[in-house]
Amino acid sequence: MSGLMSNIDWYEIWLATLDTLLMLGGSLLFTIVLGLPLGVLLFLTGPRQLFEHKAFYGLLSLLVNVLRSLPFIILLIVMIPLTVVLTGTSLGVAGAIPPLVVGATPFFARLVETALREVDRGIIEATQAMGASTQQIIISALLPEARPGIIAAVTVTAITLVSYTAMAGVVGAGGLGDLAIRFGYQRFQTDVMVVTVVLLLILVQILQMIGDRLVVHFSRR
């Protein structure tokens, strides 16, 4: 067994795992903070909604679709100058978070819009009939009713970010992806590659399990 794991430095694995978790946590937080209001805005200005505005919705939807369709590896490279301006570096955890957020925010926003569209329109109309303001409709009716869908969206986004953090290793962002590329791929250390892949799979499984349990907990029985 020791021969099969001869290239494994468990301290390096631990540091890489910590970097991956930091990138995931930081980018997910900013993605939710930016993506949730963006998704709500997409919903409100969409067809047959409270503030329907075809031109604005079309422009915003186009921007979201363009950012969603841009391959993340290209986005990483294109954003290097902006990342340096924002964080002072394009390397490490700090250098990875801006492109991770830009890559995931439109994806999450579209999922939020979809979750809000699944809310029964009668609930919105009933809230309006009671004289609720737009802010009250959003906070007291829309978001609570769409909570299971939004939690599912957060789960899917978190899992997507795990794959993005692995790709970020290409530009020296650190984490398990960087370890897999530098040692597993470039130095042909298969054992390192296998361990990093297994750890990423375990992380994804944990995120999915937590997300599924929260969706069930907050769903109407």
Foldseek 3Di string as FASTA:
>chain_A
DCVLCVPDDVVLQVVQAVLLVLLLVLLLVLLCVQQQVLLVVLQQCDPPHVNPDPVVNVVSVVVLVVLQPPPLLVLLVVCQVVLCVVQVHCAASSNLRVSLNSNLNSVLSNQNNVLLVPFDVVQLVVCVVVVDDPVCSVPVPRCLRSVLSSLVSSLVSSLVSSVSVLSSLVVHHGHLNVQCCVCCPPVVSVSSVVVSVVVSVVVNVVSVVVSVVVSVVSDDD
